[in-house]
Every structure is written in structure tokens, then in C-alpha cells.
Amino acid sequence: MLVKKDIIEEYGLHSTDTGSTEVQVSIFTARINNLTGHFKANKKDFQTRRSLIRLVNKRRKLLDYLKRKSNKRYASLIKKLKIRK
């Protein structure tokens, strides 16, 4: 999993940008990928599964917002993060 600082440097508009949609979506994606690996070892961890579903829904809402505001930024972010939609 990437460190938050690395994600901010890669996807942020500037070095201290933590609130832009791209940064938030990329942080959520890193956490989702980490939790997905967690479930291979812990199949019955239902509380964490619920948290994963929440994260996916938050990311989906942010991606919908970004698509409404700037379709070009949305498309480039989807391609960078390798998210399907």
C-alpha cells in the first residue's frame, strides 16, 4: 500500500493538496485494495466488509461528482487508478 504522502504527491494539484477529489479517490482506492487483500485471509470478518462497502460507496459518490464537474479529469483518474466504470 502506498503511503498517504506519496499518494498526495502523485495525485494532488500541489504538494499540500489533501482535499481535492482526485486525492480523496486515490486514498480510498489504496485503502480498498488493502482491505481486499485482508479478506483473503479473514473470510468471516463481516464488520470490516461493511466498512469496505462504505468506502466503495464514498468513492463512487466522489467519482460521480468529478464526472459532473470535469469529464476529462474523471477519465484520466479512472485510467491512472485502473478502476472500471
N, C-alpha and C. Protein backbone atom coordinates (compact mmCIF):
# COMPACT_ATOMS: atom_id res chain seq x y z
N MET A 1 0.85 -1.18 0.00
CA MET A 1 0.00 0.00 0.00
C MET A 1 0.89 1.24 0.00
N LEU A 2 0.50 2.18 -0.82
CA LEU A 2 1.24 3.44 -0.86
C LEU A 2 1.00 4.25 0.40
N VAL A 3 1.97 5.01 0.77
CA VAL A 3 1.83 5.90 1.91
C VAL A 3 1.03 7.12 1.46
N LYS A 4 0.28 7.67 2.38
CA LYS A 4 -0.59 8.81 2.06
C LYS A 4 0.19 9.96 1.43
N LYS A 5 1.38 10.20 1.93
CA LYS A 5 2.20 11.30 1.42
C LYS A 5 2.54 11.08 -0.05
N ASP A 6 2.85 9.85 -0.41
CA ASP A 6 3.15 9.53 -1.80
C ASP A 6 1.94 9.72 -2.70
N ILE A 7 0.78 9.33 -2.20
CA ILE A 7 -0.46 9.49 -2.97
C ILE A 7 -0.75 10.96 -3.20
N ILE A 8 -0.56 11.77 -2.17
CA ILE A 8 -0.83 13.21 -2.29
C ILE A 8 0.12 13.84 -3.30
N GLU A 9 1.39 13.45 -3.27
CA GLU A 9 2.35 14.00 -4.23
C GLU A 9 2.01 13.59 -5.66
N GLU A 10 1.53 12.37 -5.83
CA GLU A 10 1.26 11.88 -7.17
C GLU A 10 -0.03 12.45 -7.76
N TYR A 11 -1.10 12.51 -6.97
CA TYR A 11 -2.41 12.89 -7.49
C TYR A 11 -2.84 14.30 -7.14
N GLY A 12 -2.15 14.95 -6.20
CA GLY A 12 -2.55 16.28 -5.77
C GLY A 12 -2.22 17.35 -6.78
N LEU A 13 -2.92 18.46 -6.67
CA LEU A 13 -2.67 19.60 -7.55
C LEU A 13 -1.41 20.34 -7.13
N HIS A 14 -1.09 20.30 -5.83
CA HIS A 14 0.16 20.84 -5.30
C HIS A 14 0.59 19.96 -4.13
N SER A 15 1.71 20.27 -3.52
CA SER A 15 2.30 19.35 -2.54
C SER A 15 1.49 19.17 -1.26
N THR A 16 0.70 20.17 -0.88
CA THR A 16 -0.09 20.05 0.35
C THR A 16 -1.58 19.86 0.06
N ASP A 17 -1.92 19.44 -1.12
CA ASP A 17 -3.31 19.26 -1.52
C ASP A 17 -3.83 17.93 -0.98
N THR A 18 -4.70 18.00 0.02
CA THR A 18 -5.28 16.77 0.57
C THR A 18 -6.78 16.70 0.36
N GLY A 19 -7.38 17.75 -0.14
CA GLY A 19 -8.83 17.79 -0.23
C GLY A 19 -9.40 17.67 -1.62
N SER A 20 -8.57 17.66 -2.64
CA SER A 20 -9.13 17.57 -3.99
C SER A 20 -9.73 16.19 -4.21
N THR A 21 -10.64 16.13 -5.13
CA THR A 21 -11.36 14.89 -5.38
C THR A 21 -10.42 13.78 -5.82
N GLU A 22 -9.44 14.11 -6.64
CA GLU A 22 -8.51 13.09 -7.12
C GLU A 22 -7.73 12.45 -5.98
N VAL A 23 -7.28 13.28 -5.03
CA VAL A 23 -6.52 12.76 -3.89
C VAL A 23 -7.41 11.88 -3.03
N GLN A 24 -8.62 12.33 -2.74
CA GLN A 24 -9.51 11.55 -1.90
C GLN A 24 -9.84 10.21 -2.53
N VAL A 25 -10.13 10.21 -3.84
CA VAL A 25 -10.46 8.97 -4.52
C VAL A 25 -9.26 8.03 -4.52
N SER A 26 -8.07 8.55 -4.74
CA SER A 26 -6.89 7.69 -4.77
C SER A 26 -6.57 7.11 -3.39
N ILE A 27 -6.80 7.88 -2.33
CA ILE A 27 -6.61 7.36 -0.98
C ILE A 27 -7.63 6.26 -0.68
N PHE A 28 -8.88 6.49 -1.06
CA PHE A 28 -9.91 5.46 -0.88
C PHE A 28 -9.56 4.20 -1.66
N THR A 29 -9.04 4.37 -2.86
CA THR A 29 -8.69 3.21 -3.69
C THR A 29 -7.57 2.40 -3.05
N ALA A 30 -6.58 3.08 -2.48
CA ALA A 30 -5.49 2.37 -1.81
C ALA A 30 -6.02 1.59 -0.61
N ARG A 31 -6.92 2.20 0.15
CA ARG A 31 -7.50 1.51 1.31
C ARG A 31 -8.36 0.33 0.87
N ILE A 32 -9.11 0.49 -0.22
CA ILE A 32 -9.95 -0.59 -0.73
C ILE A 32 -9.08 -1.76 -1.18
N ASN A 33 -8.00 -1.47 -1.88
CA ASN A 33 -7.11 -2.53 -2.33
C ASN A 33 -6.47 -3.26 -1.16
N ASN A 34 -6.13 -2.52 -0.10
CA ASN A 34 -5.56 -3.14 1.09
C ASN A 34 -6.58 -4.04 1.78
N LEU A 35 -7.81 -3.58 1.90
CA LEU A 35 -8.84 -4.39 2.56
C LEU A 35 -9.21 -5.61 1.74
N THR A 36 -9.15 -5.51 0.44
CA THR A 36 -9.45 -6.65 -0.41
C THR A 36 -8.46 -7.78 -0.14
N GLY A 37 -7.21 -7.43 0.02
CA GLY A 37 -6.21 -8.44 0.37
C GLY A 37 -6.44 -9.02 1.76
N HIS A 38 -6.94 -8.22 2.66
CA HIS A 38 -7.23 -8.65 4.04
C HIS A 38 -8.28 -9.76 4.04
N PHE A 39 -9.24 -9.69 3.12
CA PHE A 39 -10.34 -10.66 3.11
C PHE A 39 -9.92 -12.02 2.60
N LYS A 40 -8.78 -12.12 1.94
CA LYS A 40 -8.31 -13.44 1.51
C LYS A 40 -7.91 -14.29 2.72
N ALA A 41 -7.41 -13.64 3.76
CA ALA A 41 -7.01 -14.36 4.96
C ALA A 41 -8.12 -14.43 6.00
N ASN A 42 -9.01 -13.45 5.99
CA ASN A 42 -10.06 -13.35 7.02
C ASN A 42 -11.43 -13.32 6.36
N LYS A 43 -11.92 -14.47 6.00
CA LYS A 43 -13.17 -14.56 5.24
C LYS A 43 -14.40 -14.17 6.06
N LYS A 44 -14.34 -14.33 7.37
CA LYS A 44 -15.53 -14.08 8.20
C LYS A 44 -15.51 -12.74 8.92
N ASP A 45 -14.69 -11.83 8.48
CA ASP A 45 -14.60 -10.51 9.09
C ASP A 45 -15.68 -9.61 8.50
N PHE A 46 -16.89 -9.73 9.01
CA PHE A 46 -18.03 -9.04 8.41
C PHE A 46 -18.06 -7.56 8.74
N GLN A 47 -17.54 -7.15 9.87
CA GLN A 47 -17.52 -5.73 10.22
C GLN A 47 -16.61 -4.96 9.27
N THR A 48 -15.47 -5.53 8.96
CA THR A 48 -14.56 -4.86 8.02
C THR A 48 -15.15 -4.88 6.62
N ARG A 49 -15.89 -5.93 6.29
CA ARG A 49 -16.55 -5.99 4.98
C ARG A 49 -17.56 -4.85 4.84
N ARG A 50 -18.25 -4.56 5.94
CA ARG A 50 -19.20 -3.45 5.94
C ARG A 50 -18.48 -2.12 5.71
N SER A 51 -17.31 -1.97 6.34
CA SER A 51 -16.51 -0.76 6.15
C SER A 51 -16.03 -0.65 4.71
N LEU A 52 -15.67 -1.77 4.12
CA LEU A 52 -15.24 -1.79 2.72
C LEU A 52 -16.37 -1.31 1.81
N ILE A 53 -17.57 -1.77 2.06
CA ILE A 53 -18.72 -1.35 1.24
C ILE A 53 -18.94 0.15 1.38
N ARG A 54 -18.79 0.67 2.59
CA ARG A 54 -18.91 2.12 2.81
C ARG A 54 -17.88 2.89 2.01
N LEU A 55 -16.63 2.42 2.03
CA LEU A 55 -15.56 3.07 1.28
C LEU A 55 -15.85 3.08 -0.22
N VAL A 56 -16.31 1.95 -0.72
CA VAL A 56 -16.61 1.86 -2.15
C VAL A 56 -17.73 2.84 -2.51
N ASN A 57 -18.73 2.96 -1.65
CA ASN A 57 -19.83 3.89 -1.92
C ASN A 57 -19.36 5.35 -1.88
N LYS A 58 -18.49 5.68 -0.92
CA LYS A 58 -17.95 7.04 -0.85
C LYS A 58 -17.15 7.36 -2.11
N ARG A 59 -16.33 6.40 -2.53
CA ARG A 59 -15.52 6.61 -3.72
C ARG A 59 -16.41 6.79 -4.94
N ARG A 60 -17.49 6.01 -5.04
CA ARG A 60 -18.41 6.12 -6.17
C ARG A 60 -19.05 7.50 -6.21
N LYS A 61 -19.45 8.02 -5.05
CA LYS A 61 -20.07 9.35 -4.99
C LYS A 61 -19.08 10.42 -5.43
N LEU A 62 -17.84 10.32 -4.97
CA LEU A 62 -16.83 11.30 -5.37
C LEU A 62 -16.53 11.21 -6.87
N LEU A 63 -16.51 10.00 -7.41
CA LEU A 63 -16.27 9.85 -8.85
C LEU A 63 -17.43 10.41 -9.66
N ASP A 64 -18.66 10.22 -9.18
CA ASP A 64 -19.82 10.81 -9.86
C ASP A 64 -19.75 12.33 -9.85
N TYR A 65 -19.33 12.90 -8.72
CA TYR A 65 -19.16 14.35 -8.62
C TYR A 65 -18.11 14.84 -9.61
N LEU A 66 -16.98 14.15 -9.66
CA LEU A 66 -15.90 14.55 -10.55
C LEU A 66 -16.33 14.44 -12.01
N LYS A 67 -17.11 13.44 -12.32
CA LYS A 67 -17.59 13.27 -13.70
C LYS A 67 -18.52 14.42 -14.09
N ARG A 68 -19.34 14.87 -13.15
CA ARG A 68 -20.23 16.00 -13.43
C ARG A 68 -19.44 17.28 -13.65
N LYS A 69 -18.39 17.49 -12.84
CA LYS A 69 -17.62 18.73 -12.90
C LYS A 69 -16.63 18.77 -14.05
N SER A 70 -15.89 17.68 -14.27
CA SER A 70 -14.87 17.67 -15.31
C SER A 70 -14.69 16.25 -15.82
N ASN A 71 -15.25 15.99 -16.97
CA ASN A 71 -15.19 14.65 -17.54
C ASN A 71 -13.76 14.25 -17.91
N LYS A 72 -12.95 15.23 -18.29
CA LYS A 72 -11.56 14.95 -18.67
C LYS A 72 -10.75 14.48 -17.46
N ARG A 73 -10.90 15.17 -16.32
CA ARG A 73 -10.20 14.77 -15.10
C ARG A 73 -10.68 13.40 -14.62
N TYR A 74 -11.97 13.16 -14.76
CA TYR A 74 -12.56 11.87 -14.39
C TYR A 74 -11.94 10.73 -15.20
N ALA A 75 -11.88 10.92 -16.51
CA ALA A 75 -11.36 9.87 -17.38
C ALA A 75 -9.88 9.59 -17.10
N SER A 76 -9.10 10.65 -16.87
CA SER A 76 -7.68 10.43 -16.60
C SER A 76 -7.47 9.74 -15.25
N LEU A 77 -8.28 10.07 -14.25
CA LEU A 77 -8.16 9.44 -12.94
C LEU A 77 -8.53 7.96 -13.00
N ILE A 78 -9.60 7.65 -13.72
CA ILE A 78 -10.02 6.26 -13.88
C ILE A 78 -8.92 5.44 -14.54
N LYS A 79 -8.30 6.04 -15.54
CA LYS A 79 -7.23 5.34 -16.26
C LYS A 79 -6.00 5.13 -15.36
N LYS A 80 -5.64 6.16 -14.58
CA LYS A 80 -4.47 6.07 -13.69
C LYS A 80 -4.66 5.01 -12.61
N LEU A 81 -5.85 5.01 -12.01
CA LEU A 81 -6.12 4.10 -10.89
C LEU A 81 -6.55 2.71 -11.34
N LYS A 82 -6.81 2.56 -12.64
CA LYS A 82 -7.26 1.30 -13.21
C LYS A 82 -8.56 0.82 -12.54
N ILE A 83 -9.51 1.76 -12.46
CA ILE A 83 -10.84 1.46 -11.92
C ILE A 83 -11.76 1.29 -13.11
N ARG A 84 -12.64 0.33 -13.04
CA ARG A 84 -13.58 0.13 -14.14
C ARG A 84 -14.87 0.89 -13.87
N LYS A 85 -15.48 1.38 -14.91
CA LYS A 85 -16.81 2.00 -14.84
C LYS A 85 -17.24 2.33 -16.24
